[in-house]
């Protein structure tokens, strides 16, 4: 007998959505596509980036204004308007908030009006990004922990992308149910092949020799990504092999600082900067690379690690708890704890073609457990779990009210 699939009305709320592009937006869009694919009715409540209030398909854009709290921050207040009322009338079964600011409060308002449970995904470790909030002058780590605890203890359940994040939230004092669900990736956009001529064309355009061996960093160029550490350690690689180039693909606020560092280190010919890369072009940089490298310890999951794996690219990175289960030492790459290990591992892969091939196959195979299909299934399991608990709590509360009323009548 075929199992009956429950279809739900799911409202996703987020301050960040298209046309903005970042890891949170990608995660939300993948969740949206997967829920729709499986027959759920999904709407997204987001802040408009152009200031216009409008509905585009399933996306309800609230009019908002820019604030100088952190880069690209926008707020919406108050929450009483026609779009919000439409979503209340739509009566969602589940509200899934994705950011901690304006739309999380809107989600809370809608949840109170509809009695729908609110689940929240905690994407960002704010203690690593306090320098962006009011220039790092107002909120300290202790304050960030207190704010986070208060916000998350006010929802019905929390989703985190890694055990690293779960451990941090437990340390903060979050006592609500926490579900660890790694963000799913749509690997279809990373499965395209590129030819040898494509690789030569990209390298030539960047000013590298077509025979160069390539190690790459792909992502936002920001100070907390510790790309400067990679540049410093890369010199140890160049001391052994001069045919290796470090490709840094992406844009961000720390780009000019890194260019200055490369100039100062006198390794300009071996460090290549692409600048901002279109999302549909990112796979090319993984594909032309022999190794993906990073020293970031601010990731909640590390989506670029998994993207690289999906492209069959072995990884060398600084150890971080979020890598637990992603990097298996010696199988799909290496994590280093001591600085000298970086060059040792990079050179080991570059100088052993059979090792690199086996790591490439292993990386690709291990990436499959982070597919959007598995991600969608796990999130729906969370929804059903929370809905089940909500129903039991409602029955329990109704029973208690009935008992209290009966006791009062009996006493009277």
Protein backbone atom coordinates (compact mmCIF):
# COMPACT_ATOMS: atom_id res chain seq x y z
CA UNK A 1 0.00 0.00 0.00
CA UNK A 2 1.37 3.36 -1.04
CA UNK A 3 2.15 5.70 1.86
CA UNK A 4 0.02 8.84 1.85
CA UNK A 5 2.10 12.00 1.44
CA UNK A 6 0.99 14.99 3.51
CA UNK A 7 0.93 18.24 1.55
CA UNK A 8 1.57 21.39 3.54
CA UNK A 9 1.33 25.13 3.19
CA UNK A 10 4.81 26.43 4.00
CA UNK A 11 5.70 30.09 4.46
CA UNK A 12 9.41 30.87 4.23
CA UNK A 13 10.49 34.28 5.53
CA UNK A 14 13.82 35.97 4.84
CA UNK A 15 15.41 39.41 4.81
CA UNK A 16 17.69 38.27 1.96
CA UNK A 17 16.41 36.98 -1.36
CA UNK A 18 16.90 37.51 -5.08
CA UNK A 19 18.25 39.65 -6.67
CA UNK A 20 20.72 39.44 -3.74
CA UNK A 21 23.07 36.46 -4.08
CA UNK A 22 24.70 34.71 -1.11
CA UNK A 23 24.72 31.34 0.64
CA UNK A 24 21.49 32.00 2.54
CA UNK A 25 19.62 32.94 -0.65
CA UNK A 26 20.93 29.81 -2.39
CA UNK A 27 19.83 27.62 0.54
CA UNK A 28 16.35 29.18 0.60
CA UNK A 29 15.91 28.84 -3.15
CA UNK A 30 16.96 25.17 -3.07
CA UNK A 31 14.49 24.51 -0.24
CA UNK A 32 11.73 26.31 -2.12
CA UNK A 33 12.34 24.33 -5.33
CA UNK A 34 12.45 21.01 -3.49
CA UNK A 35 9.27 21.64 -1.50
CA UNK A 36 7.42 22.70 -4.67
CA UNK A 37 8.74 19.66 -6.53
CA UNK A 38 7.22 17.44 -3.84
CA UNK A 39 3.80 19.08 -4.14
CA UNK A 40 3.80 21.46 -1.16
CA UNK A 41 2.24 24.91 -1.44
CA UNK A 42 5.08 27.37 -0.72
CA UNK A 43 5.26 31.14 -0.43
CA UNK A 44 8.23 33.33 0.42
CA UNK A 45 8.04 36.59 2.37
CA UNK A 46 11.12 38.73 1.66
CA UNK A 47 12.32 42.32 1.85
CA UNK A 48 12.36 44.18 -1.43
CA UNK A 49 15.82 45.33 -2.49
CA UNK A 50 14.43 48.11 -4.71
CA UNK A 51 12.00 49.51 -2.16
CA UNK A 52 8.92 48.38 -4.10
CA UNK A 53 6.17 46.31 -2.49
CA UNK A 54 5.05 43.62 -4.93
CA UNK A 55 4.15 39.98 -5.47
CA UNK A 56 6.20 38.06 -8.05
CA UNK A 57 4.97 34.49 -8.35
CA UNK A 58 5.20 32.94 -4.89
CA UNK A 59 7.41 35.72 -3.53
CA UNK A 60 5.86 38.52 -1.46
CA UNK A 61 8.27 41.46 -1.37
CA UNK A 62 7.75 43.90 1.49
CA UNK A 63 8.72 47.53 1.08
CA UNK A 64 11.85 48.16 3.12
CA UNK A 65 14.57 50.73 3.63
CA UNK A 66 18.33 50.48 3.98
CA UNK A 67 20.04 50.81 7.37
CA UNK A 68 23.73 50.99 8.17
CA UNK A 69 23.72 48.13 10.65
CA UNK A 70 25.70 45.74 8.44
CA UNK A 71 26.34 45.54 4.65
CA UNK A 72 23.13 45.32 2.52
CA UNK A 73 20.94 45.42 5.65
CA UNK A 74 17.31 46.44 5.16
CA UNK A 75 14.38 46.65 7.58
CA UNK A 76 10.61 46.73 7.42
CA UNK A 77 8.42 48.20 10.12
CA UNK A 78 5.57 47.99 11.01
CA UNK A 79 4.22 44.64 9.77
CA UNK A 80 0.59 45.52 9.37
CA UNK A 81 -0.20 45.77 5.66
CA UNK A 82 -2.12 44.04 2.87
CA UNK A 83 0.61 41.54 1.97
CA UNK A 84 0.95 40.38 5.57
CA UNK A 85 -2.83 40.09 5.87
CA UNK A 86 -2.97 38.05 2.65
CA UNK A 87 -0.49 35.58 4.10
CA UNK A 88 -2.46 35.40 7.36
CA UNK A 89 -5.63 34.65 5.36
CA UNK A 90 -3.68 32.01 3.39
CA UNK A 91 -3.25 30.30 6.78
CA UNK A 92 0.09 28.45 6.50
CA UNK A 93 0.67 25.13 8.26
CA UNK A 94 4.34 25.89 8.93
CA UNK A 95 6.33 29.12 9.09
CA UNK A 96 10.04 28.72 8.42
CA UNK A 97 12.06 31.87 9.15
CA UNK A 98 15.59 32.07 7.75
CA UNK A 99 17.07 35.35 9.02
CA UNK A 100 17.11 36.96 12.46
CA UNK A 101 15.91 40.47 11.75
CA UNK A 102 12.79 42.10 10.25
CA UNK A 103 11.11 39.11 8.64
CA UNK A 104 11.68 36.93 11.71
CA UNK A 105 9.49 39.37 13.62
CA UNK A 106 6.99 39.30 10.75
CA UNK A 107 7.03 35.48 10.94
CA UNK A 108 6.32 35.67 14.66
CA UNK A 109 3.37 38.02 14.04
CA UNK A 110 1.89 35.68 11.40
CA UNK A 111 2.48 32.63 13.63
CA UNK A 112 0.55 34.27 16.48
CA UNK A 113 -2.35 35.11 14.17
CA UNK A 114 -2.55 31.66 12.54
CA UNK A 115 -1.35 29.42 15.41
CA UNK A 116 1.16 27.87 12.98
CA UNK A 117 4.44 26.63 14.47
CA UNK A 118 7.53 28.69 13.66
CA UNK A 119 10.77 26.92 12.76
CA UNK A 120 13.95 28.91 12.34
CA UNK A 121 17.13 28.05 10.44
CA UNK A 122 20.22 29.60 12.03
CA UNK A 123 22.58 30.16 9.09
CA UNK A 124 25.14 32.64 10.45
CA UNK A 125 27.53 32.48 13.39
CA UNK A 126 27.23 36.14 14.35
CA UNK A 127 30.13 36.03 16.78
CA UNK A 128 32.39 35.75 13.69
CA UNK A 129 30.74 38.72 11.96
CA UNK A 130 30.39 41.31 14.72
CA UNK A 131 32.82 43.61 12.91
CA UNK A 132 30.13 44.22 10.29
CA UNK A 133 27.39 45.15 12.79
CA UNK A 134 27.65 48.83 13.68
CA UNK A 135 31.34 48.55 12.79
CA UNK A 136 31.93 46.17 15.71
CA UNK A 137 31.48 49.01 18.23
CA UNK A 138 28.14 48.14 19.79
CA UNK A 139 27.59 44.37 20.08
CA UNK A 140 30.11 42.05 21.71
CA UNK A 141 30.17 38.22 21.73
CA UNK A 142 28.34 37.97 25.05
CA UNK A 143 25.59 40.30 23.81
CA UNK A 144 25.31 38.37 20.53
CA UNK A 145 24.87 35.13 22.48
CA UNK A 146 22.19 36.67 24.70
CA UNK A 147 20.24 38.09 21.71
CA UNK A 148 20.51 34.79 19.83
CA UNK A 149 19.33 32.81 22.86
CA UNK A 150 16.31 35.06 23.33
CA UNK A 151 15.32 34.94 19.66
CA UNK A 152 15.69 31.19 19.23
CA UNK A 153 14.00 30.26 22.48
CA UNK A 154 10.92 32.10 21.22
CA UNK A 155 10.35 29.73 18.25
CA UNK A 156 9.09 26.14 18.21
CA UNK A 157 12.24 24.51 16.80
CA UNK A 158 15.62 25.41 15.33
CA UNK A 159 17.37 23.97 12.25
CA UNK A 160 21.17 24.19 11.99
CA UNK A 161 23.42 23.09 9.12
CA UNK A 162 26.09 21.38 11.26
CA UNK A 163 26.84 19.96 14.71
CA UNK A 164 29.32 22.79 15.15
CA UNK A 165 26.43 25.28 15.09
CA UNK A 166 24.31 23.08 17.35
CA UNK A 167 27.08 22.99 19.97
CA UNK A 168 27.41 26.79 19.88
CA UNK A 169 23.65 27.27 20.38
CA UNK A 170 23.59 24.83 23.28
CA UNK A 171 26.45 26.80 24.83
CA UNK A 172 24.38 29.98 24.35
CA UNK A 173 21.54 28.39 26.34
CA UNK A 174 19.09 27.62 23.51
CA UNK A 175 16.74 24.96 24.94
CA UNK A 176 14.33 24.43 22.04
CA UNK A 177 14.57 21.31 19.85
CA UNK A 178 17.57 21.63 17.50
CA UNK A 179 17.64 19.61 14.26
CA UNK A 180 20.90 19.29 12.32
CA UNK A 181 20.15 19.32 8.58
CA UNK A 182 23.04 20.13 6.21
CA UNK A 183 21.99 22.56 3.49
CA UNK A 184 21.28 20.80 0.20
CA UNK A 185 23.01 21.71 -3.03
CA UNK A 186 21.62 21.50 -6.54
CA UNK A 187 24.51 19.66 -8.14
CA UNK A 188 22.98 19.80 -11.62
CA UNK A 189 24.66 23.17 -12.15
CA UNK A 190 28.05 21.70 -11.15
CA UNK A 191 27.94 18.58 -13.31
CA UNK A 192 28.77 20.34 -16.57
CA UNK A 193 32.05 19.36 -18.12
CA UNK A 194 34.69 21.72 -19.48
CA UNK A 195 37.26 20.90 -22.13
CA UNK A 196 41.01 21.31 -21.99
CA UNK A 197 40.63 24.25 -24.37
CA UNK A 198 38.15 25.88 -21.96
CA UNK A 199 40.71 25.57 -19.17
CA UNK A 200 43.48 27.03 -21.34
CA UNK A 201 41.23 29.93 -22.36
CA UNK A 202 40.38 30.79 -18.73
CA UNK A 203 44.00 30.57 -17.57
CA UNK A 204 45.29 32.59 -20.52
CA UNK A 205 42.72 35.30 -19.89
CA UNK A 206 43.86 35.47 -16.25
CA UNK A 207 47.49 35.69 -17.29
CA UNK A 208 48.66 32.17 -16.38
CA UNK A 209 50.52 29.53 -18.38
CA UNK A 210 48.29 26.87 -19.91
CA UNK A 211 50.43 24.17 -18.23
CA UNK A 212 49.93 25.66 -14.74
CA UNK A 213 48.73 23.51 -11.85
CA UNK A 214 45.85 25.30 -10.14
CA UNK A 215 44.76 25.50 -6.51
CA UNK A 216 41.72 27.69 -5.90
CA UNK A 217 39.67 29.50 -3.31
CA UNK A 218 36.07 30.23 -4.30
CA UNK A 219 33.81 32.43 -2.19
CA UNK A 220 33.23 35.83 -0.67
CA UNK A 221 36.44 37.81 -0.28
CA UNK A 222 36.14 38.85 3.35
CA UNK A 223 38.59 39.08 6.25
CA UNK A 224 36.95 36.29 8.29
CA UNK A 225 37.62 33.83 5.44
CA UNK A 226 41.37 34.02 6.30
CA UNK A 227 42.42 34.05 2.66
CA UNK A 228 45.50 36.04 3.70
CA UNK A 229 46.66 32.91 5.55
CA UNK A 230 46.35 30.86 2.36
CA UNK A 231 48.44 33.44 0.45
CA UNK A 232 51.15 33.34 3.13
CA UNK A 233 51.24 29.52 3.21
CA UNK A 234 51.14 29.34 -0.60
CA UNK A 235 54.70 30.72 -0.68
CA UNK A 236 55.88 27.41 0.83
CA UNK A 237 54.33 25.63 -2.15
CA UNK A 238 56.11 27.98 -4.58
CA UNK A 239 59.43 27.25 -2.91
CA UNK A 240 59.04 23.65 -4.14
CA UNK A 241 57.16 24.18 -7.40
CA UNK A 242 57.02 27.35 -9.50
CA UNK A 243 54.33 26.03 -11.89
CA UNK A 244 51.49 26.33 -9.36
CA UNK A 245 49.02 29.22 -9.35
CA UNK A 246 46.59 30.22 -6.62
CA UNK A 247 43.27 31.24 -8.13
CA UNK A 248 41.06 33.44 -5.91
CA UNK A 249 37.56 33.55 -7.38
CA UNK A 250 35.00 35.98 -5.98
CA UNK A 251 34.45 39.53 -4.88
CA UNK A 252 34.12 41.22 -1.52
CA UNK A 253 35.29 43.94 0.86
CA UNK A 254 38.76 42.46 1.47
CA UNK A 255 39.80 42.11 -2.17
CA UNK A 256 42.09 45.18 -2.33
CA UNK A 257 43.80 44.18 0.93
CA UNK A 258 44.64 40.78 -0.54
CA UNK A 259 45.96 42.33 -3.75
CA UNK A 260 48.22 44.56 -1.66
CA UNK A 261 49.46 41.54 0.29
CA UNK A 262 50.26 39.64 -2.94
CA UNK A 263 52.17 42.65 -4.25
CA UNK A 264 54.09 42.96 -1.01
CA UNK A 265 54.92 39.23 -1.05
CA UNK A 266 56.11 39.61 -4.68
CA UNK A 267 54.05 36.65 -5.92
CA UNK A 268 51.76 38.53 -8.32
CA UNK A 269 52.50 36.19 -11.23
CA UNK A 270 51.31 33.18 -9.25
CA UNK A 271 48.18 34.59 -7.55
CA UNK A 272 45.23 35.30 -9.84
CA UNK A 273 42.12 37.27 -8.91
CA UNK A 274 38.93 36.83 -10.96
CA UNK A 275 36.77 39.42 -9.18
CA UNK A 276 33.03 38.80 -8.88
CA UNK A 277 31.91 35.60 -10.63
CA UNK A 278 28.41 34.95 -12.00
CA UNK A 279 26.74 32.03 -10.16
CA UNK A 280 26.35 30.08 -13.39
CA UNK A 281 30.10 30.42 -14.05
CA UNK A 282 31.39 29.25 -10.65
CA UNK A 283 31.62 25.57 -11.60
CA UNK A 284 34.29 26.40 -14.20
CA UNK A 285 36.77 27.49 -11.53
CA UNK A 286 36.30 24.30 -9.52
CA UNK A 287 36.65 22.24 -12.70
CA UNK A 288 39.94 23.80 -13.83
CA UNK A 289 41.46 23.40 -10.36
CA UNK A 290 43.49 20.51 -9.01
CA UNK A 291 42.70 21.36 -5.37
CA UNK A 292 40.24 23.58 -3.49
CA UNK A 293 41.87 25.39 -0.54
CA UNK A 294 40.53 27.45 2.35
CA UNK A 295 41.55 28.53 5.86
CA UNK A 296 38.12 29.77 6.97
CA UNK A 297 36.90 28.79 10.44
CA UNK A 298 33.74 30.95 10.34
CA UNK A 299 31.56 28.55 8.31
CA UNK A 300 28.41 26.99 9.71
CA UNK A 301 28.61 24.22 7.14
CA UNK A 302 30.93 25.17 4.29
CA UNK A 303 28.88 25.05 1.11
CA UNK A 304 31.88 25.82 -1.09
CA UNK A 305 33.61 22.70 0.25
CA UNK A 306 30.66 20.59 -0.88
CA UNK A 307 30.39 22.39 -4.23
CA UNK A 308 34.07 21.66 -4.85
CA UNK A 309 33.51 18.00 -3.95
CA UNK A 310 30.55 17.84 -6.33
CA UNK A 311 32.94 18.95 -9.08
CA UNK A 312 35.40 16.23 -8.11
CA UNK A 313 37.89 18.65 -6.59
CA UNK A 314 39.98 17.39 -3.62
CA UNK A 315 40.24 19.77 -0.65
CA UNK A 316 43.04 21.07 1.56
CA UNK A 317 41.74 23.26 4.38
CA UNK A 318 42.32 24.34 7.95
CA UNK A 319 40.59 22.06 10.45
CA UNK A 320 37.22 23.27 11.70
CA UNK A 321 34.42 21.42 13.49
CA UNK A 322 32.01 22.08 10.61
CA UNK A 323 34.18 19.72 8.50
CA UNK A 324 33.18 16.71 10.60
CA UNK A 325 31.79 14.23 8.08
CA UNK A 326 32.64 16.43 5.09
CA UNK A 327 36.42 16.00 4.87
CA UNK A 328 37.64 12.47 5.53
CA UNK A 329 41.38 12.73 6.03
CA UNK A 330 43.29 11.15 3.16
CA UNK A 331 40.19 10.12 1.21
CA UNK A 332 38.70 13.26 -0.36
CA UNK A 333 41.34 15.70 0.85
CA UNK A 334 43.27 16.83 3.90
CA UNK A 335 42.69 19.24 6.74
CA UNK A 336 45.72 20.87 8.32
CA UNK A 337 46.20 22.02 11.90
CA UNK A 338 49.81 23.20 11.69
CA UNK A 339 50.89 25.75 9.09
CA UNK A 340 53.66 23.58 7.63
CA UNK A 341 51.10 20.89 6.77
CA UNK A 342 49.39 23.08 4.16
CA UNK A 343 52.23 22.93 1.60
CA UNK A 344 52.95 19.31 2.50
CA UNK A 345 49.39 18.21 1.67
CA UNK A 346 49.05 20.40 -1.45
CA UNK A 347 52.31 19.06 -2.88
CA UNK A 348 51.40 15.49 -1.99
CA UNK A 349 48.25 15.71 -4.14
CA UNK A 350 49.89 17.62 -7.01
CA UNK A 351 52.78 15.16 -7.27
CA UNK A 352 50.72 11.96 -7.16
CA UNK A 353 48.26 11.79 -10.06
CA UNK A 354 46.77 8.48 -8.91
CA UNK A 355 46.12 9.90 -5.44
CA UNK A 356 44.46 12.97 -6.94
CA UNK A 357 42.25 10.82 -9.18
CA UNK A 358 41.11 8.61 -6.30
CA UNK A 359 40.44 11.68 -4.13
CA UNK A 360 38.46 13.26 -6.95
CA UNK A 361 36.22 10.18 -7.25
CA UNK A 362 35.80 9.98 -3.47
CA UNK A 363 34.97 13.70 -3.24
CA UNK A 364 32.28 13.35 -5.88
CA UNK A 365 30.77 10.29 -4.19
CA UNK A 366 30.76 11.86 -0.72
CA UNK A 367 29.07 15.01 -2.03
CA UNK A 368 25.91 13.05 -2.91
CA UNK A 369 24.69 12.98 0.70
CA UNK A 370 24.32 16.77 0.47
CA UNK A 371 21.88 16.70 -2.46
CA UNK A 372 18.77 18.88 -2.40
CA UNK A 373 16.59 15.73 -2.54
CA UNK A 374 17.93 14.51 0.81
CA UNK A 375 17.82 18.06 2.19
CA UNK A 376 14.14 18.42 1.23
CA UNK A 377 13.22 15.07 2.81
CA UNK A 378 14.93 15.92 6.09
CA UNK A 379 13.32 19.36 6.33
CA UNK A 380 9.86 17.86 5.75
CA UNK A 381 10.61 15.35 8.53
CA UNK A 382 11.36 18.31 10.82
CA UNK A 383 8.06 19.98 9.82
CA UNK A 384 6.07 16.81 10.57
CA UNK A 385 7.88 16.34 13.90
CA UNK A 386 7.09 19.90 15.00
CA UNK A 387 3.49 19.74 13.78
CA UNK A 388 3.01 16.50 15.69
CA UNK A 389 4.34 18.03 18.91
CA UNK A 390 2.22 21.14 18.38
CA UNK A 391 -0.93 19.00 18.05
CA UNK A 392 -0.07 17.03 21.20
CA UNK A 393 0.59 20.27 23.12
CA UNK A 394 -2.72 21.74 21.92
CA UNK A 395 -4.58 18.62 23.07
CA UNK A 396 -2.73 18.72 26.41
CA UNK A 397 -3.54 22.41 26.91
CA UNK A 398 -7.21 21.85 26.02
CA UNK A 399 -7.35 18.94 28.48
CA UNK A 400 -5.82 21.08 31.24
CA UNK A 401 -8.29 23.89 30.58
CA UNK A 402 -11.14 21.38 30.71
CA UNK A 403 -9.78 19.89 33.96
CA UNK A 404 -9.41 23.33 35.55
CA UNK A 405 -12.95 24.31 34.53
CA UNK A 406 -14.33 21.01 35.85
CA UNK A 407 -12.47 21.46 39.13
CA UNK A 408 -13.81 25.01 39.51
CA UNK A 409 -17.38 23.88 38.78
CA UNK A 410 -17.06 21.02 41.25
CA UNK A 411 -15.69 23.42 43.87
CA UNK A 412 -18.56 25.85 43.24
